[in-house]
Amino acid sequence: MHNRLSLLAAGVVLACASGTQAQTNFDGVYRAPQGGVTGNSACGTTRFGYPVRVSNGVASMQTVSQGELQGRLGPDGSLRIDHGPAVLAGKITGNQFTGTYTVQRCQFALNYTK
């Protein structure tokens, strides 16, 4: 009985550790290409290069107009943060974050590299 409990406990620890590892492999700073990102026609000539930072499965992006957007990544690297009129959505695959940043009618296509 004691051996079964030890094996069960070890399995729980390994499952927790592997879940943590799956989240932290996304850790890093994802940056816009040089020159930043340009929005759609509703944005005029607005450009920005706010990086997306990921630490322990939590993504954040500090903006001037909307403050800090922060949310948890899905196990597959997917992300959706709703913050007032702003939405940051996308997915991390390998060393790339691909998605969109939308504020009201203004939308930016993001193709960031770690």
PDB file of N, CA and C in Angstrom:
ATOM      1  N   MET A   1       0.829  -1.188   0.000  1.00  0.00           N
ATOM      2  CA  MET A   1       0.000   0.000   0.000  1.00  0.00           C
ATOM      3  C   MET A   1       0.875   1.254   0.000  1.00  0.00           C
ATOM      4  N   HIS A   2       1.934   1.234   0.832  1.00  0.00           N
ATOM      5  CA  HIS A   2       2.824   2.390   0.916  1.00  0.00           C
ATOM      6  C   HIS A   2       3.494   2.660  -0.435  1.00  0.00           C
ATOM      7  N   ASN A   3       3.905   1.588  -1.138  1.00  0.00           N
ATOM      8  CA  ASN A   3       4.540   1.745  -2.442  1.00  0.00           C
ATOM      9  C   ASN A   3       3.588   2.342  -3.465  1.00  0.00           C
ATOM     10  N   ARG A   4       2.306   1.954  -3.400  1.00  0.00           N
ATOM     11  CA  ARG A   4       1.325   2.508  -4.332  1.00  0.00           C
ATOM     12  C   ARG A   4       1.146   4.001  -4.101  1.00  0.00           C
ATOM     13  N   LEU A   5       1.091   4.412  -2.840  1.00  0.00           N
ATOM     14  CA  LEU A   5       0.953   5.832  -2.527  1.00  0.00           C
ATOM     15  C   LEU A   5       2.183   6.610  -2.978  1.00  0.00           C
ATOM     16  N   SER A   6       3.362   6.019  -2.801  1.00  0.00           N
ATOM     17  CA  SER A   6       4.588   6.684  -3.239  1.00  0.00           C
ATOM     18  C   SER A   6       4.604   6.859  -4.751  1.00  0.00           C
ATOM     19  N   LEU A   7       4.186   5.820  -5.475  1.00  0.00           N
ATOM     20  CA  LEU A   7       4.130   5.909  -6.934  1.00  0.00           C
ATOM     21  C   LEU A   7       3.102   6.934  -7.388  1.00  0.00           C
ATOM     22  N   LEU A   8       1.953   6.959  -6.721  1.00  0.00           N
ATOM     23  CA  LEU A   8       0.921   7.933  -7.057  1.00  0.00           C
ATOM     24  C   LEU A   8       1.425   9.352  -6.808  1.00  0.00           C
ATOM     25  N   ALA A   9       2.066   9.577  -5.682  1.00  0.00           N
ATOM     26  CA  ALA A   9       2.611  10.899  -5.356  1.00  0.00           C
ATOM     27  C   ALA A   9       3.676  11.306  -6.374  1.00  0.00           C
ATOM     28  N   ALA A  10       4.532  10.375  -6.754  1.00  0.00           N
ATOM     29  CA  ALA A  10       5.576  10.678  -7.743  1.00  0.00           C
ATOM     30  C   ALA A  10       4.954  11.040  -9.084  1.00  0.00           C
ATOM     31  N   GLY A  11       3.887  10.332  -9.451  1.00  0.00           N
ATOM     32  CA  GLY A  11       3.188  10.643 -10.706  1.00  0.00           C
ATOM     33  C   GLY A  11       2.575  12.021 -10.691  1.00  0.00           C
ATOM     34  N   VAL A  12       1.996  12.419  -9.559  1.00  0.00           N
ATOM     35  CA  VAL A  12       1.412  13.756  -9.434  1.00  0.00           C
ATOM     36  C   VAL A  12       2.492  14.821  -9.552  1.00  0.00           C
ATOM     37  N   VAL A  13       3.625  14.620  -8.905  1.00  0.00           N
ATOM     38  CA  VAL A  13       4.735  15.577  -8.973  1.00  0.00           C
ATOM     39  C   VAL A  13       5.231  15.702 -10.407  1.00  0.00           C
ATOM     40  N   LEU A  14       5.401  14.575 -11.103  1.00  0.00           N
ATOM     41  CA  LEU A  14       5.860  14.617 -12.498  1.00  0.00           C
ATOM     42  C   LEU A  14       4.847  15.307 -13.395  1.00  0.00           C
ATOM     43  N   ALA A  15       3.567  15.058 -13.196  1.00  0.00           N
ATOM     44  CA  ALA A  15       2.532  15.702 -14.007  1.00  0.00           C
ATOM     45  C   ALA A  15       2.548  17.208 -13.792  1.00  0.00           C
ATOM     46  N   CYS A  16       2.694  17.640 -12.559  1.00  0.00           N
ATOM     47  CA  CYS A  16       2.761  19.074 -12.265  1.00  0.00           C
ATOM     48  C   CYS A  16       4.007  19.690 -12.878  1.00  0.00           C
ATOM     49  N   ALA A  17       5.120  19.018 -12.766  1.00  0.00           N
ATOM     50  CA  ALA A  17       6.371  19.543 -13.302  1.00  0.00           C
ATOM     51  C   ALA A  17       6.306  19.640 -14.819  1.00  0.00           C
ATOM     52  N   SER A  18       5.724  18.638 -15.482  1.00  0.00           N
ATOM     53  CA  SER A  18       5.657  18.687 -16.938  1.00  0.00           C
ATOM     54  C   SER A  18       4.682  19.763 -17.391  1.00  0.00           C
ATOM     55  N   GLY A  19       3.612  20.009 -16.643  1.00  0.00           N
ATOM     56  CA  GLY A  19       2.687  21.094 -16.969  1.00  0.00           C
ATOM     57  C   GLY A  19       3.364  22.443 -16.850  1.00  0.00           C
ATOM     58  N   THR A  20       4.198  22.603 -15.841  1.00  0.00           N
ATOM     59  CA  THR A  20       4.945  23.847 -15.664  1.00  0.00           C
ATOM     60  C   THR A  20       5.940  24.017 -16.801  1.00  0.00           C
ATOM     61  N   GLN A  21       6.620  22.952 -17.162  1.00  0.00           N
ATOM     62  CA  GLN A  21       7.601  23.028 -18.245  1.00  0.00           C
ATOM     63  C   GLN A  21       6.924  23.412 -19.553  1.00  0.00           C
ATOM     64  N   ALA A  22       5.727  22.869 -19.815  1.00  0.00           N
ATOM     65  CA  ALA A  22       5.031  23.181 -21.051  1.00  0.00           C
ATOM     66  C   ALA A  22       4.713  24.676 -21.116  1.00  0.00           C
ATOM     67  N   GLN A  23       4.421  25.285 -19.981  1.00  0.00           N
ATOM     68  CA  GLN A  23       4.119  26.710 -19.956  1.00  0.00           C
ATOM     69  C   GLN A  23       5.366  27.569 -20.090  1.00  0.00           C
ATOM     70  N   THR A  24       6.458  27.193 -19.429  1.00  0.00           N
ATOM     71  CA  THR A  24       7.626  28.065 -19.397  1.00  0.00           C
ATOM     72  C   THR A  24       8.462  28.005 -20.668  1.00  0.00           C
ATOM     73  N   ASN A  25       8.247  27.025 -21.556  1.00  0.00           N
ATOM     74  CA  ASN A  25       9.037  27.001 -22.779  1.00  0.00           C
ATOM     75  C   ASN A  25       8.669  28.164 -23.701  1.00  0.00           C
ATOM     76  N   PHE A  26       7.604  28.879 -23.407  1.00  0.00           N
ATOM     77  CA  PHE A  26       7.222  30.068 -24.162  1.00  0.00           C
ATOM     78  C   PHE A  26       7.888  31.333 -23.611  1.00  0.00           C
ATOM     79  N   ASP A  27       8.537  31.220 -22.449  1.00  0.00           N
ATOM     80  CA  ASP A  27       9.126  32.389 -21.796  1.00  0.00           C
ATOM     81  C   ASP A  27      10.100  33.124 -22.713  1.00  0.00           C
ATOM     82  N   GLY A  28      10.060  34.440 -22.625  1.00  0.00           N
ATOM     83  CA  GLY A  28      10.971  35.258 -23.401  1.00  0.00           C
ATOM     84  C   GLY A  28      10.305  36.558 -23.814  1.00  0.00           C
ATOM     85  N   VAL A  29      11.020  37.341 -24.598  1.00  0.00           N
ATOM     86  CA  VAL A  29      10.511  38.617 -25.095  1.00  0.00           C
ATOM     87  C   VAL A  29      10.362  38.492 -26.605  1.00  0.00           C
ATOM     88  N   TYR A  30       9.164  38.727 -27.082  1.00  0.00           N
ATOM     89  CA  TYR A  30       8.846  38.668 -28.503  1.00  0.00           C
ATOM     90  C   TYR A  30       8.767  40.102 -29.014  1.00  0.00           C
ATOM     91  N   ARG A  31       9.538  40.386 -30.068  1.00  0.00           N
ATOM     92  CA  ARG A  31       9.673  41.767 -30.538  1.00  0.00           C
ATOM     93  C   ARG A  31       9.190  41.928 -31.973  1.00  0.00           C
ATOM     94  N   ALA A  32       8.736  43.173 -32.256  1.00  0.00           N
ATOM     95  CA  ALA A  32       8.317  43.543 -33.601  1.00  0.00           C
ATOM     96  C   ALA A  32       9.528  43.611 -34.510  1.00  0.00           C
ATOM     97  N   PRO A  33       9.308  43.490 -35.817  1.00  0.00           N
ATOM     98  CA  PRO A  33      10.426  43.697 -36.734  1.00  0.00           C
ATOM     99  C   PRO A  33      10.938  45.127 -36.626  1.00  0.00           C
ATOM    100  N   GLN A  34      12.160  45.361 -37.062  1.00  0.00           N
ATOM    101  CA  GLN A  34      12.733  46.704 -36.994  1.00  0.00           C
ATOM    102  C   GLN A  34      11.813  47.675 -37.741  1.00  0.00           C
ATOM    103  N   GLY A  35      11.559  48.824 -37.137  1.00  0.00           N
ATOM    104  CA  GLY A  35      10.641  49.794 -37.720  1.00  0.00           C
ATOM    105  C   GLY A  35       9.246  49.692 -37.145  1.00  0.00           C
ATOM    106  N   GLY A  36       8.975  48.626 -36.393  1.00  0.00           N
ATOM    107  CA  GLY A  36       7.688  48.486 -35.728  1.00  0.00           C
ATOM    108  C   GLY A  36       6.609  47.917 -36.618  1.00  0.00           C
ATOM    109  N   VAL A  37       5.369  48.109 -36.184  1.00  0.00           N
ATOM    110  CA  VAL A  37       4.191  47.564 -36.834  1.00  0.00           C
ATOM    111  C   VAL A  37       3.283  48.732 -37.187  1.00  0.00           C
ATOM    112  N   THR A  38       2.692  48.706 -38.371  1.00  0.00           N
ATOM    113  CA  THR A  38       1.769  49.750 -38.811  1.00  0.00           C
ATOM    114  C   THR A  38       0.345  49.215 -38.748  1.00  0.00           C
ATOM    115  N   GLY A  39      -0.577  50.053 -38.291  1.00  0.00           N
ATOM    116  CA  GLY A  39      -1.976  49.648 -38.204  1.00  0.00           C
ATOM    117  C   GLY A  39      -2.709  49.783 -39.520  1.00  0.00           C
ATOM    118  N   ASN A  40      -3.995  49.388 -39.514  1.00  0.00           N
ATOM    119  CA  ASN A  40      -4.820  49.483 -40.712  1.00  0.00           C
ATOM    120  C   ASN A  40      -5.200  50.934 -40.991  1.00  0.00           C
ATOM    121  N   SER A  41      -6.020  51.184 -42.008  1.00  0.00           N
ATOM    122  CA  SER A  41      -6.351  52.551 -42.421  1.00  0.00           C
ATOM    123  C   SER A  41      -7.071  53.343 -41.333  1.00  0.00           C
ATOM    124  N   ALA A  42      -7.756  52.678 -40.409  1.00  0.00           N
ATOM    125  CA  ALA A  42      -8.433  53.380 -39.312  1.00  0.00           C
ATOM    126  C   ALA A  42      -7.436  53.968 -38.318  1.00  0.00           C
ATOM    127  N   CYS A  43      -6.167  53.563 -38.426  1.00  0.00           N
ATOM    128  CA  CYS A  43      -5.134  54.016 -37.497  1.00  0.00           C
ATOM    129  C   CYS A  43      -4.336  55.193 -38.035  1.00  0.00           C
ATOM    130  N   GLY A  44      -4.555  55.598 -39.266  1.00  0.00           N
ATOM    131  CA  GLY A  44      -3.712  56.635 -39.847  1.00  0.00           C
ATOM    132  C   GLY A  44      -2.311  56.088 -40.044  1.00  0.00           C
ATOM    133  N   THR A  45      -1.304  56.782 -39.560  1.00  0.00           N
ATOM    134  CA  THR A  45       0.084  56.329 -39.724  1.00  0.00           C
ATOM    135  C   THR A  45       0.669  55.818 -38.409  1.00  0.00           C
ATOM    136  N   THR A  46      -0.184  55.430 -37.488  1.00  0.00           N
ATOM    137  CA  THR A  46       0.284  54.968 -36.180  1.00  0.00           C
ATOM    138  C   THR A  46       1.210  53.764 -36.323  1.00  0.00           C
ATOM    139  N   ARG A  47       2.334  53.833 -35.630  1.00  0.00           N
ATOM    140  CA  ARG A  47       3.299  52.725 -35.572  1.00  0.00           C
ATOM    141  C   ARG A  47       3.625  52.447 -34.113  1.00  0.00           C
ATOM    142  N   PHE A  48       3.947  51.196 -33.831  1.00  0.00           N
ATOM    143  CA  PHE A  48       4.433  50.876 -32.492  1.00  0.00           C
ATOM    144  C   PHE A  48       5.294  49.636 -32.544  1.00  0.00           C
ATOM    145  N   GLY A  49       6.003  49.387 -31.474  1.00  0.00           N
ATOM    146  CA  GLY A  49       6.853  48.207 -31.369  1.00  0.00           C
ATOM    147  C   GLY A  49       6.810  47.619 -29.980  1.00  0.00           C
ATOM    148  N   TYR A  50       5.648  47.729 -29.314  1.00  0.00           N
ATOM    149  CA  TYR A  50       5.535  47.184 -27.955  1.00  0.00           C
ATOM    150  C   TYR A  50       5.888  45.699 -27.958  1.00  0.00           C
ATOM    151  N   PRO A  51       6.861  45.274 -27.164  1.00  0.00           N
ATOM    152  CA  PRO A  51       7.168  43.842 -27.106  1.00  0.00           C
ATOM    153  C   PRO A  51       6.127  43.089 -26.282  1.00  0.00           C
ATOM    154  N   VAL A  52       5.994  41.812 -26.554  1.00  0.00           N
ATOM    155  CA  VAL A  52       5.173  40.908 -25.744  1.00  0.00           C
ATOM    156  C   VAL A  52       6.144  40.116 -24.892  1.00  0.00           C
ATOM    157  N   ARG A  53       5.977  40.193 -23.580  1.00  0.00           N
ATOM    158  CA  ARG A  53       6.856  39.488 -22.637  1.00  0.00           C
ATOM    159  C   ARG A  53       6.089  38.319 -22.033  1.00  0.00           C
ATOM    160  N   VAL A  54       6.763  37.166 -21.964  1.00  0.00           N
ATOM    161  CA  VAL A  54       6.143  35.969 -21.388  1.00  0.00           C
ATOM    162  C   VAL A  54       7.043  35.444 -20.284  1.00  0.00           C
ATOM    163  N   SER A  55       6.448  35.236 -19.117  1.00  0.00           N
ATOM    164  CA  SER A  55       7.166  34.677 -17.977  1.00  0.00           C
ATOM    165  C   SER A  55       6.238  33.745 -17.214  1.00  0.00           C
ATOM    166  N   ASN A  56       6.659  32.493 -17.054  1.00  0.00           N
ATOM    167  CA  ASN A  56       5.877  31.478 -16.328  1.00  0.00           C
ATOM    168  C   ASN A  56       4.457  31.351 -16.864  1.00  0.00           C
ATOM    169  N   GLY A  57       4.305  31.417 -18.193  1.00  0.00           N
ATOM    170  CA  GLY A  57       3.000  31.219 -18.809  1.00  0.00           C
ATOM    171  C   GLY A  57       2.100  32.441 -18.801  1.00  0.00           C
ATOM    172  N   VAL A  58       2.601  33.586 -18.323  1.00  0.00           N
ATOM    173  CA  VAL A  58       1.811  34.822 -18.302  1.00  0.00           C
ATOM    174  C   VAL A  58       2.419  35.795 -19.309  1.00  0.00           C
ATOM    175  N   ALA A  59       1.588  36.278 -20.227  1.00  0.00           N
ATOM    176  CA  ALA A  59       2.026  37.226 -21.243  1.00  0.00           C
ATOM    177  C   ALA A  59       1.600  38.630 -20.855  1.00  0.00           C
ATOM    178  N   SER A  60       2.434  39.614 -21.203  1.00  0.00           N
ATOM    179  CA  SER A  60       2.069  41.009 -20.946  1.00  0.00           C
ATOM    180  C   SER A  60       2.621  41.894 -22.055  1.00  0.00           C
ATOM    181  N   MET A  61       1.902  42.990 -22.289  1.00  0.00           N
ATOM    182  CA  MET A  61       2.348  43.998 -23.239  1.00  0.00           C
ATOM    183  C   MET A  61       2.007  45.358 -22.642  1.00  0.00           C
ATOM    184  N   GLN A  62       3.009  46.189 -22.453  1.00  0.00           N
ATOM    185  CA  GLN A  62       2.844  47.531 -21.900  1.00  0.00           C
ATOM    186  C   GLN A  62       2.602  48.495 -23.059  1.00  0.00           C
ATOM    187  N   THR A  63       1.440  49.187 -23.039  1.00  0.00           N
ATOM    188  CA  THR A  63       1.123  50.148 -24.093  1.00  0.00           C
ATOM    189  C   THR A  63       1.013  51.541 -23.494  1.00  0.00           C
ATOM    190  N   VAL A  64       1.108  52.545 -24.345  1.00  0.00           N
ATOM    191  CA  VAL A  64       0.971  53.922 -23.878  1.00  0.00           C
ATOM    192  C   VAL A  64      -0.497  54.247 -23.623  1.00  0.00           C
ATOM    193  N   SER A  65      -1.363  53.928 -24.577  1.00  0.00           N
ATOM    194  CA  SER A  65      -2.769  54.347 -24.460  1.00  0.00           C
ATOM    195  C   SER A  65      -3.623  53.455 -23.568  1.00  0.00           C
ATOM    196  N   GLN A  66      -3.292  52.179 -23.449  1.00  0.00           N
ATOM    197  CA  GLN A  66      -4.152  51.238 -22.706  1.00  0.00           C
ATOM    198  C   GLN A  66      -3.504  50.671 -21.452  1.00  0.00           C
ATOM    199  N   GLY A  67      -2.290  51.071 -21.146  1.00  0.00           N
ATOM    200  CA  GLY A  67      -1.599  50.528 -19.978  1.00  0.00           C
ATOM    201  C   GLY A  67      -1.118  49.120 -20.243  1.00  0.00           C
ATOM    202  N   GLU A  68      -0.993  48.333 -19.183  1.00  0.00           N
ATOM    203  CA  GLU A  68      -0.483  46.972 -19.329  1.00  0.00           C
ATOM    204  C   GLU A  68      -1.608  45.986 -19.585  1.00  0.00           C
ATOM    205  N   LEU A  69      -1.455  45.205 -20.630  1.00  0.00           N
ATOM    206  CA  LEU A  69      -2.359  44.099 -20.923  1.00  0.00           C
ATOM    207  C   LEU A  69      -1.661  42.844 -20.425  1.00  0.00           C
ATOM    208  N   GLN A  70      -2.386  42.002 -19.692  1.00  0.00           N
ATOM    209  CA  GLN A  70      -1.757  40.823 -19.107  1.00  0.00           C
ATOM    210  C   GLN A  70      -2.743  39.675 -19.093  1.00  0.00           C
ATOM    211  N   GLY A  71      -2.257  38.470 -19.441  1.00  0.00           N
ATOM    212  CA  GLY A  71      -3.113  37.286 -19.415  1.00  0.00           C
ATOM    213  C   GLY A  71      -2.303  36.017 -19.523  1.00  0.00           C
ATOM    214  N   ARG A  72      -2.953  34.913 -19.227  1.00  0.00           N
ATOM    215  CA  ARG A  72      -2.295  33.599 -19.218  1.00  0.00           C
ATOM    216  C   ARG A  72      -2.374  32.957 -20.596  1.00  0.00           C
ATOM    217  N   LEU A  73      -1.256  32.365 -21.012  1.00  0.00           N
ATOM    218  CA  LEU A  73      -1.215  31.599 -22.256  1.00  0.00           C
ATOM    219  C   LEU A  73      -1.932  30.274 -22.068  1.00  0.00           C
ATOM    220  N   GLY A  74      -2.542  29.772 -23.133  1.00  0.00           N
ATOM    221  CA  GLY A  74      -3.074  28.423 -23.121  1.00  0.00           C
ATOM    222  C   GLY A  74      -1.923  27.433 -23.236  1.00  0.00           C
ATOM    223  N   PRO A  75      -2.148  26.174 -22.948  1.00  0.00           N
ATOM    224  CA  PRO A  75      -1.085  25.171 -23.016  1.00  0.00           C
ATOM    225  C   PRO A  75      -0.475  25.041 -24.417  1.00  0.00           C
ATOM    226  N   ASP A  76      -1.230  25.446 -25.442  1.00  0.00           N
ATOM    227  CA  ASP A  76      -0.735  25.363 -26.816  1.00  0.00           C
ATOM    228  C   ASP A  76      -0.095  26.677 -27.289  1.00  0.00           C
ATOM    229  N   GLY A  77       0.062  27.651 -26.376  1.00  0.00           N
ATOM    230  CA  GLY A  77       0.664  28.929 -26.730  1.00  0.00           C
ATOM    231  C   GLY A  77      -0.325  29.976 -27.190  1.00  0.00           C
ATOM    232  N   SER A  78      -1.618  29.663 -27.126  1.00  0.00           N
ATOM    233  CA  SER A  78      -2.631  30.622 -27.556  1.00  0.00           C
ATOM    234  C   SER A  78      -2.853  31.688 -26.478  1.00  0.00           C
ATOM    235  N   LEU A  79      -3.274  32.875 -26.938  1.00  0.00           N
ATOM    236  CA  LEU A  79      -3.437  34.006 -26.029  1.00  0.00           C
ATOM    237  C   LEU A  79      -4.602  34.867 -26.482  1.00  0.00           C
ATOM    238  N   ARG A  80      -5.405  35.317 -25.531  1.00  0.00           N
ATOM    239  CA  ARG A  80      -6.428  36.331 -25.771  1.00  0.00           C
ATOM    240  C   ARG A  80      -6.562  37.142 -24.496  1.00  0.00           C
ATOM    241  N   ILE A  81      -6.282  38.450 -24.632  1.00  0.00           N
ATOM    242  CA  ILE A  81      -6.411  39.370 -23.509  1.00  0.00           C
ATOM    243  C   ILE A  81      -7.390  40.460 -23.924  1.00  0.00           C
ATOM    244  N   ASP A  82      -8.475  40.600 -23.186  1.00  0.00           N
ATOM    245  CA  ASP A  82      -9.430  41.685 -23.384  1.00  0.00           C
ATOM    246  C   ASP A  82      -9.196  42.690 -22.268  1.00  0.00           C
ATOM    247  N   HIS A  83      -8.916  43.934 -22.642  1.00  0.00           N
ATOM    248  CA  HIS A  83      -8.585  44.974 -21.659  1.00  0.00           C
ATOM    249  C   HIS A  83      -9.270  46.272 -22.105  1.00  0.00           C
ATOM    250  N   GLY A  84     -10.490  46.494 -21.608  1.00  0.00           N
ATOM    251  CA  GLY A  84     -11.252  47.658 -22.066  1.00  0.00           C
ATOM    252  C   GLY A  84     -11.475  47.554 -23.565  1.00  0.00           C
ATOM    253  N   PRO A  85     -11.154  48.615 -24.322  1.00  0.00           N
ATOM    254  CA  PRO A  85     -11.356  48.561 -25.778  1.00  0.00           C
ATOM    255  C   PRO A  85     -10.227  47.827 -26.517  1.00  0.00           C
ATOM    256  N   ALA A  86      -9.231  47.346 -25.790  1.00  0.00           N
ATOM    257  CA  ALA A  86      -8.070  46.697 -26.414  1.00  0.00           C
ATOM    258  C   ALA A  86      -8.166  45.181 -26.323  1.00  0.00           C
ATOM    259  N   VAL A  87      -7.725  44.517 -27.402  1.00  0.00           N
ATOM    260  CA  VAL A  87      -7.665  43.057 -27.431  1.00  0.00           C
ATOM    261  C   VAL A  87      -6.327  42.649 -28.049  1.00  0.00           C
ATOM    262  N   LEU A  88      -5.594  41.814 -27.320  1.00  0.00           N
ATOM    263  CA  LEU A  88      -4.370  41.206 -27.824  1.00  0.00           C
ATOM    264  C   LEU A  88      -4.665  39.718 -27.981  1.00  0.00           C
ATOM    265  N   ALA A  89      -4.555  39.213 -29.205  1.00  0.00           N
ATOM    266  CA  ALA A  89      -4.874  37.808 -29.458  1.00  0.00           C
ATOM    267  C   ALA A  89      -3.853  37.224 -30.409  1.00  0.00           C
ATOM    268  N   GLY A  90      -3.513  35.963 -30.193  1.00  0.00           N
ATOM    269  CA  GLY A  90      -2.577  35.303 -31.093  1.00  0.00           C
ATOM    270  C   GLY A  90      -2.104  33.993 -30.527  1.00  0.00           C
ATOM    271  N   LYS A  91      -0.991  33.518 -31.076  1.00  0.00           N
ATOM    272  CA  LYS A  91      -0.458  32.228 -30.660  1.00  0.00           C
ATOM    273  C   LYS A  91       1.052  32.216 -30.852  1.00  0.00           C
ATOM    274  N   ILE A  92       1.730  31.567 -29.918  1.00  0.00           N
ATOM    275  CA  ILE A  92       3.170  31.366 -30.013  1.00  0.00           C
ATOM    276  C   ILE A  92       3.411  29.980 -30.606  1.00  0.00           C
ATOM    277  N   THR A  93       4.219  29.967 -31.659  1.00  0.00           N
ATOM    278  CA  THR A  93       4.653  28.717 -32.274  1.00  0.00           C
ATOM    279  C   THR A  93       6.153  28.833 -32.484  1.00  0.00           C
ATOM    280  N   GLY A  94       6.899  27.944 -31.849  1.00  0.00           N
ATOM    281  CA  GLY A  94       8.356  28.043 -31.924  1.00  0.00           C
ATOM    282  C   GLY A  94       8.814  29.352 -31.309  1.00  0.00           C
ATOM    283  N   ASN A  95       9.544  30.151 -32.052  1.00  0.00           N
ATOM    284  CA  ASN A  95      10.023  31.452 -31.570  1.00  0.00           C
ATOM    285  C   ASN A  95       9.220  32.609 -32.149  1.00  0.00           C
ATOM    286  N   GLN A  96       8.006  32.336 -32.622  1.00  0.00           N
ATOM    287  CA  GLN A  96       7.179  33.369 -33.253  1.00  0.00           C
ATOM    288  C   GLN A  96       5.880  33.586 -32.473  1.00  0.00           C
ATOM    289  N   PHE A  97       5.512  34.856 -32.306  1.00  0.00           N
ATOM    290  CA  PHE A  97       4.176  35.201 -31.822  1.00  0.00           C
ATOM    291  C   PHE A  97       3.466  35.858 -33.000  1.00  0.00           C
ATOM    292  N   THR A  98       2.368  35.261 -33.434  1.00  0.00           N
ATOM    293  CA  THR A  98       1.589  35.791 -34.546  1.00  0.00           C
ATOM    294  C   THR A  98       0.191  36.075 -34.036  1.00  0.00           C
ATOM    295  N   GLY A  99      -0.296  37.292 -34.307  1.00  0.00           N
ATOM    296  CA  GLY A  99      -1.630  37.631 -33.838  1.00  0.00           C
ATOM    297  C   GLY A  99      -2.022  39.041 -34.221  1.00  0.00           C
ATOM    298  N   THR A 100      -2.921  39.612 -33.425  1.00  0.00           N
ATOM    299  CA  THR A 100      -3.395  40.971 -33.670  1.00  0.00           C
ATOM    300  C   THR A 100      -3.505  41.737 -32.356  1.00  0.00           C
ATOM    301  N   TYR A 101      -3.334  43.035 -32.464  1.00  0.00           N
ATOM    302  CA  TYR A 101      -3.604  43.961 -31.363  1.00  0.00           C
ATOM    303  C   TYR A 101      -4.631  44.937 -31.907  1.00  0.00           C
ATOM    304  N   THR A 102      -5.788  44.989 -31.261  1.00  0.00           N
ATOM    305  CA  THR A 102      -6.893  45.821 -31.722  1.00  0.00           C
ATOM    306  C   THR A 102      -7.291  46.793 -30.624  1.00  0.00           C
ATOM    307  N   VAL A 103      -7.456  48.060 -30.996  1.00  0.00           N
ATOM    308  CA  VAL A 103      -8.008  49.066 -30.100  1.00  0.00           C
ATOM    309  C   VAL A 103      -9.105  49.779 -30.889  1.00  0.00           C
ATOM    310  N   GLN A 104     -10.340  49.547 -30.471  1.00  0.00           N
ATOM    311  CA  GLN A 104     -11.510  50.055 -31.177  1.00  0.00           C
ATOM    312  C   GLN A 104     -11.444  49.629 -32.644  1.00  0.00           C
ATOM    313  N   ARG A 105     -11.416  50.543 -33.608  1.00  0.00           N
ATOM    314  CA  ARG A 105     -11.399  50.167 -35.031  1.00  0.00           C
ATOM    315  C   ARG A 105      -9.992  49.977 -35.573  1.00  0.00           C
ATOM    316  N   CYS A 106      -8.998  50.278 -34.794  1.00  0.00           N
ATOM    317  CA  CYS A 106      -7.602  50.205 -35.230  1.00  0.00           C
ATOM    318  C   CYS A 106      -7.057  48.800 -34.957  1.00  0.00           C
ATOM    319  N   GLN A 107      -6.491  48.179 -35.985  1.00  0.00           N
ATOM    320  CA  GLN A 107      -5.955  46.829 -35.808  1.00  0.00           C
ATOM    321  C   GLN A 107      -4.540  46.739 -36.373  1.00  0.00           C
ATOM    322  N   PHE A 108      -3.661  46.077 -35.589  1.00  0.00           N
ATOM    323  CA  PHE A 108      -2.280  45.857 -35.973  1.00  0.00           C
ATOM    324  C   PHE A 108      -2.052  44.361 -36.134  1.00  0.00           C
ATOM    325  N   ALA A 109      -1.458  43.957 -37.238  1.00  0.00           N
ATOM    326  CA  ALA A 109      -1.070  42.554 -37.434  1.00  0.00           C
ATOM    327  C   ALA A 109       0.314  42.371 -36.811  1.00  0.00           C
ATOM    328  N   LEU A 110       0.448  41.408 -35.920  1.00  0.00           N
ATOM    329  CA  LEU A 110       1.704  41.182 -35.204  1.00  0.00           C
ATOM    330  C   LEU A 110       2.374  39.909 -35.712  1.00  0.00           C
ATOM    331  N   ASN A 111       3.627  40.021 -36.034  1.00  0.00           N
ATOM    332  CA  ASN A 111       4.460  38.878 -36.376  1.00  0.00           C
ATOM    333  C   ASN A 111       5.796  39.097 -35.678  1.00  0.00           C
ATOM    334  N   TYR A 112       5.847  38.706 -34.415  1.00  0.00           N
ATOM    335  CA  TYR A 112       6.979  38.981 -33.535  1.00  0.00           C
ATOM    336  C   TYR A 112       7.900  37.780 -33.446  1.00  0.00           C
ATOM    337  N   THR A 113       9.166  38.055 -33.188  1.00  0.00           N
ATOM    338  CA  THR A 113      10.173  37.002 -33.029  1.00  0.00           C
ATOM    339  C   THR A 113      10.811  37.092 -31.649  1.00  0.00           C
ATOM    340  N   LYS A 114      11.084  35.944 -31.070  1.00  0.00           N
ATOM    341  CA  LYS A 114      11.741  35.864 -29.750  1.00  0.00           C
ATOM    342  C   LYS A 114      13.225  36.022 -29.906  1.00  0.00           C
TER     343      LYS A 114
END
